[in-house]
Amino acid sequence: MWPVTPAEPPRTFKVRAPNLPSVLLVVTYSRGARDSLRNVCRTHESSVVRRFGRAALFEPTHHGAFLALRLREKHPGDVQVERTRPFNEFADAPDAVREAARAYETRDAPSTPYAAFAVGTDHPDPERMRERDLGS
């Protein structure tokens, strides 16, 4: 499920159904493309999951795809469209990674880099974490 922390007015915020497998991520790279994205999001609120200024999440429907592709056609090279799926920290990330993140954020010295923090503990090594995919 997507985070439940609205960063924008409630009119663009929705709580996603947990069984919805993916969304369309639209990222803009120019002022004109951002303006078009804002206009599309305001006009078609029912197909917008969430807006982030220069990016938005669209429903994974034909209409969501139409809106994303329309933006890309209007602003070639300035709009990127990706299909993504929600990140479930309990199903997708190993316990050791979640526990390491929790412990690191509650460390005594905020300036300690993670690599130094992890030395001599059971927390995962940062290099090993970089090499391992979430699925492994």
C-alpha atoms as a PDB file:
ATOM      1  CA  MET A   1       0.000   0.000   0.000  1.00  0.00           C
ATOM      2  CA  TRP A   2       1.262   3.515  -0.763  1.00  0.00           C
ATOM      3  CA  PRO A   3       2.163   5.759   2.140  1.00  0.00           C
ATOM      4  CA  VAL A   4      -0.689   7.395   3.990  1.00  0.00           C
ATOM      5  CA  THR A   5       1.026  10.764   4.445  1.00  0.00           C
ATOM      6  CA  PRO A   6      -0.616  13.377   2.232  1.00  0.00           C
ATOM      7  CA  ALA A   7       1.887  15.933   0.942  1.00  0.00           C
ATOM      8  CA  GLU A   8      -0.722  17.746  -1.164  1.00  0.00           C
ATOM      9  CA  PRO A   9      -4.330  18.812  -0.810  1.00  0.00           C
ATOM     10  CA  PRO A  10      -6.692  15.867  -0.206  1.00  0.00           C
ATOM     11  CA  ARG A  11      -8.218  16.202  -3.681  1.00  0.00           C
ATOM     12  CA  THR A  12      -5.199  14.358  -5.182  1.00  0.00           C
ATOM     13  CA  PHE A  13      -4.685  11.857  -2.365  1.00  0.00           C
ATOM     14  CA  LYS A  14      -6.094   8.327  -2.426  1.00  0.00           C
ATOM     15  CA  VAL A  15      -5.491   5.279  -0.289  1.00  0.00           C
ATOM     16  CA  ARG A  16      -4.589   2.472  -2.669  1.00  0.00           C
ATOM     17  CA  ALA A  17      -6.191  -0.920  -2.565  1.00  0.00           C
ATOM     18  CA  PRO A  18      -3.569  -3.454  -1.388  1.00  0.00           C
ATOM     19  CA  ASN A  19      -4.318  -5.874  -4.230  1.00  0.00           C
ATOM     20  CA  LEU A  20      -3.613  -3.336  -7.004  1.00  0.00           C
ATOM     21  CA  PRO A  21      -0.334  -4.588  -8.484  1.00  0.00           C
ATOM     22  CA  SER A  22       1.138  -1.465 -10.066  1.00  0.00           C
ATOM     23  CA  VAL A  23       0.851   2.208 -10.926  1.00  0.00           C
ATOM     24  CA  LEU A  24       2.199   4.388 -13.726  1.00  0.00           C
ATOM     25  CA  LEU A  25       4.953   6.767 -12.633  1.00  0.00           C
ATOM     26  CA  VAL A  26       5.183   9.897 -14.790  1.00  0.00           C
ATOM     27  CA  VAL A  27       8.257  12.118 -14.299  1.00  0.00           C
ATOM     28  CA  THR A  28       8.673  15.462 -16.089  1.00  0.00           C
ATOM     29  CA  TYR A  29      11.969  17.180 -16.935  1.00  0.00           C
ATOM     30  CA  SER A  30      10.942  20.624 -18.222  1.00  0.00           C
ATOM     31  CA  ARG A  31       8.781  23.509 -17.057  1.00  0.00           C
ATOM     32  CA  GLY A  32       6.336  23.001 -19.923  1.00  0.00           C
ATOM     33  CA  ALA A  33       5.970  19.294 -19.162  1.00  0.00           C
ATOM     34  CA  ARG A  34       5.416  20.077 -15.460  1.00  0.00           C
ATOM     35  CA  ASP A  35       2.704  22.580 -16.356  1.00  0.00           C
ATOM     36  CA  SER A  36       0.998  20.008 -18.592  1.00  0.00           C
ATOM     37  CA  LEU A  37       1.251  17.364 -15.870  1.00  0.00           C
ATOM     38  CA  ARG A  38      -0.326  19.729 -13.349  1.00  0.00           C
ATOM     39  CA  ASN A  39      -3.183  20.507 -15.758  1.00  0.00           C
ATOM     40  CA  VAL A  40      -3.788  16.828 -16.550  1.00  0.00           C
ATOM     41  CA  CYS A  41      -3.829  15.963 -12.841  1.00  0.00           C
ATOM     42  CA  ARG A  42      -6.318  18.727 -12.066  1.00  0.00           C
ATOM     43  CA  THR A  43      -8.573  17.797 -14.968  1.00  0.00           C
ATOM     44  CA  HIS A  44      -8.492  14.010 -14.481  1.00  0.00           C
ATOM     45  CA  GLU A  45      -8.325  13.571 -10.686  1.00  0.00           C
ATOM     46  CA  SER A  46     -10.011  10.155 -10.830  1.00  0.00           C
ATOM     47  CA  SER A  47      -7.002   8.697 -12.677  1.00  0.00           C
ATOM     48  CA  VAL A  48      -4.383  10.287 -10.420  1.00  0.00           C
ATOM     49  CA  VAL A  49      -3.164   8.302  -7.428  1.00  0.00           C
ATOM     50  CA  ARG A  50      -0.758  10.987  -6.145  1.00  0.00           C
ATOM     51  CA  ARG A  51       1.010  14.140  -7.370  1.00  0.00           C
ATOM     52  CA  PHE A  52       4.545  15.147  -6.358  1.00  0.00           C
ATOM     53  CA  GLY A  53       5.165  18.403  -8.277  1.00  0.00           C
ATOM     54  CA  ARG A  54       7.277  17.228 -11.202  1.00  0.00           C
ATOM     55  CA  ALA A  55       6.041  13.632 -10.936  1.00  0.00           C
ATOM     56  CA  ALA A  56       2.742  11.817 -10.519  1.00  0.00           C
ATOM     57  CA  LEU A  57       1.339   8.338 -10.064  1.00  0.00           C
ATOM     58  CA  PHE A  58      -1.523   7.394 -12.396  1.00  0.00           C
ATOM     59  CA  GLU A  59      -3.945   4.521 -12.027  1.00  0.00           C
ATOM     60  CA  PRO A  60      -2.852   1.443 -14.045  1.00  0.00           C
ATOM     61  CA  THR A  61      -5.857   1.732 -16.364  1.00  0.00           C
ATOM     62  CA  HIS A  62      -6.251   2.453 -20.043  1.00  0.00           C
ATOM     63  CA  HIS A  63      -7.123   6.033 -19.129  1.00  0.00           C
ATOM     64  CA  GLY A  64      -4.027   6.364 -16.931  1.00  0.00           C
ATOM     65  CA  ALA A  65      -1.886   5.049 -19.789  1.00  0.00           C
ATOM     66  CA  PHE A  66      -3.620   7.418 -22.227  1.00  0.00           C
ATOM     67  CA  LEU A  67      -2.839  10.418 -20.012  1.00  0.00           C
ATOM     68  CA  ALA A  68       0.805   9.368 -19.536  1.00  0.00           C
ATOM     69  CA  LEU A  69       1.344   8.709 -23.243  1.00  0.00           C
ATOM     70  CA  ARG A  70      -0.403  11.938 -24.170  1.00  0.00           C
ATOM     71  CA  LEU A  71       2.063  13.852 -22.000  1.00  0.00           C
ATOM     72  CA  ARG A  72       4.987  12.015 -23.560  1.00  0.00           C
ATOM     73  CA  GLU A  73       3.705  12.797 -27.075  1.00  0.00           C
ATOM     74  CA  LYS A  74       3.257  16.477 -26.208  1.00  0.00           C
ATOM     75  CA  HIS A  75       6.720  16.756 -24.594  1.00  0.00           C
ATOM     76  CA  PRO A  76       9.017  14.200 -26.276  1.00  0.00           C
ATOM     77  CA  GLY A  77      12.209  13.728 -24.302  1.00  0.00           C
ATOM     78  CA  ASP A  78      10.837  15.606 -21.285  1.00  0.00           C
ATOM     79  CA  VAL A  79       8.448  12.963 -19.919  1.00  0.00           C
ATOM     80  CA  GLN A  80       9.424   9.543 -18.597  1.00  0.00           C
ATOM     81  CA  VAL A  81       6.802   6.867 -17.954  1.00  0.00           C
ATOM     82  CA  GLU A  82       7.478   3.772 -15.844  1.00  0.00           C
ATOM     83  CA  ARG A  83       5.247   1.028 -14.501  1.00  0.00           C
ATOM     84  CA  THR A  84       5.934   0.415 -10.827  1.00  0.00           C
ATOM     85  CA  ARG A  85       4.510  -1.655  -8.021  1.00  0.00           C
ATOM     86  CA  PRO A  86       4.135  -0.748  -4.356  1.00  0.00           C
ATOM     87  CA  PHE A  87       6.959  -1.620  -1.973  1.00  0.00           C
ATOM     88  CA  ASN A  88       5.806  -3.729   0.962  1.00  0.00           C
ATOM     89  CA  GLU A  89       8.633  -3.525   3.491  1.00  0.00           C
ATOM     90  CA  PHE A  90       7.455  -6.633   5.340  1.00  0.00           C
ATOM     91  CA  ALA A  91       7.191  -8.834   2.247  1.00  0.00           C
ATOM     92  CA  ASP A  92       9.955  -7.298   0.095  1.00  0.00           C
ATOM     93  CA  ALA A  93      12.780  -6.455   2.520  1.00  0.00           C
ATOM     94  CA  PRO A  94      14.547  -8.973   4.774  1.00  0.00           C
ATOM     95  CA  ASP A  95      14.112  -8.599   8.533  1.00  0.00           C
ATOM     96  CA  ALA A  96      17.825  -7.825   8.940  1.00  0.00           C
ATOM     97  CA  VAL A  97      17.570  -4.851   6.571  1.00  0.00           C
ATOM     98  CA  ARG A  98      14.491  -3.433   8.329  1.00  0.00           C
ATOM     99  CA  GLU A  99      16.124  -3.909  11.741  1.00  0.00           C
ATOM    100  CA  ALA A 100      19.356  -2.276  10.542  1.00  0.00           C
ATOM    101  CA  ALA A 101      17.458   0.754   9.226  1.00  0.00           C
ATOM    102  CA  ARG A 102      15.562   1.088  12.505  1.00  0.00           C
ATOM    103  CA  ALA A 103      18.728   0.770  14.623  1.00  0.00           C
ATOM    104  CA  TYR A 104      20.705   3.166  12.421  1.00  0.00           C
ATOM    105  CA  GLU A 105      18.056   5.871  12.650  1.00  0.00           C
ATOM    106  CA  THR A 106      18.051   5.603  16.460  1.00  0.00           C
ATOM    107  CA  ARG A 107      21.879   5.595  16.815  1.00  0.00           C
ATOM    108  CA  ASP A 108      23.533   7.714  19.492  1.00  0.00           C
ATOM    109  CA  ALA A 109      25.740   9.764  17.159  1.00  0.00           C
ATOM    110  CA  PRO A 110      23.820  11.076  14.134  1.00  0.00           C
ATOM    111  CA  SER A 111      27.055  11.798  12.227  1.00  0.00           C
ATOM    112  CA  THR A 112      28.213   8.147  12.255  1.00  0.00           C
ATOM    113  CA  PRO A 113      28.155   6.688   8.728  1.00  0.00           C
ATOM    114  CA  TYR A 114      26.342   3.367   8.365  1.00  0.00           C
ATOM    115  CA  ALA A 115      29.526   1.449   7.445  1.00  0.00           C
ATOM    116  CA  ALA A 116      31.140   2.452  10.775  1.00  0.00           C
ATOM    117  CA  PHE A 117      27.897   1.858  12.663  1.00  0.00           C
ATOM    118  CA  ALA A 118      27.560  -1.700  11.308  1.00  0.00           C
ATOM    119  CA  VAL A 119      31.113  -2.812  12.222  1.00  0.00           C
ATOM    120  CA  GLY A 120      31.081  -5.359  15.046  1.00  0.00           C
ATOM    121  CA  THR A 121      27.301  -5.787  14.985  1.00  0.00           C
ATOM    122  CA  ASP A 122      24.894  -8.270  13.431  1.00  0.00           C
ATOM    123  CA  HIS A 123      23.676  -5.572  11.018  1.00  0.00           C
ATOM    124  CA  PRO A 124      24.289  -6.231   7.302  1.00  0.00           C
ATOM    125  CA  ASP A 125      27.443  -4.958   5.660  1.00  0.00           C
ATOM    126  CA  PRO A 126      26.698  -2.006   3.315  1.00  0.00           C
ATOM    127  CA  GLU A 127      28.703  -3.505   0.430  1.00  0.00           C
ATOM    128  CA  ARG A 128      26.811  -6.812   0.644  1.00  0.00           C
ATOM    129  CA  MET A 129      23.510  -4.926   0.713  1.00  0.00           C
ATOM    130  CA  ARG A 130      24.489  -3.057  -2.479  1.00  0.00           C
ATOM    131  CA  GLU A 131      25.217  -6.358  -4.243  1.00  0.00           C
ATOM    132  CA  ARG A 132      22.002  -8.183  -3.245  1.00  0.00           C
ATOM    133  CA  ASP A 133      18.669  -7.749  -4.994  1.00  0.00           C
ATOM    134  CA  LEU A 134      15.550  -7.583  -2.859  1.00  0.00           C
ATOM    135  CA  GLY A 135      14.376 -10.908  -4.268  1.00  0.00           C
ATOM    136  CA  SER A 136      17.427 -12.808  -3.010  1.00  0.00           C
END
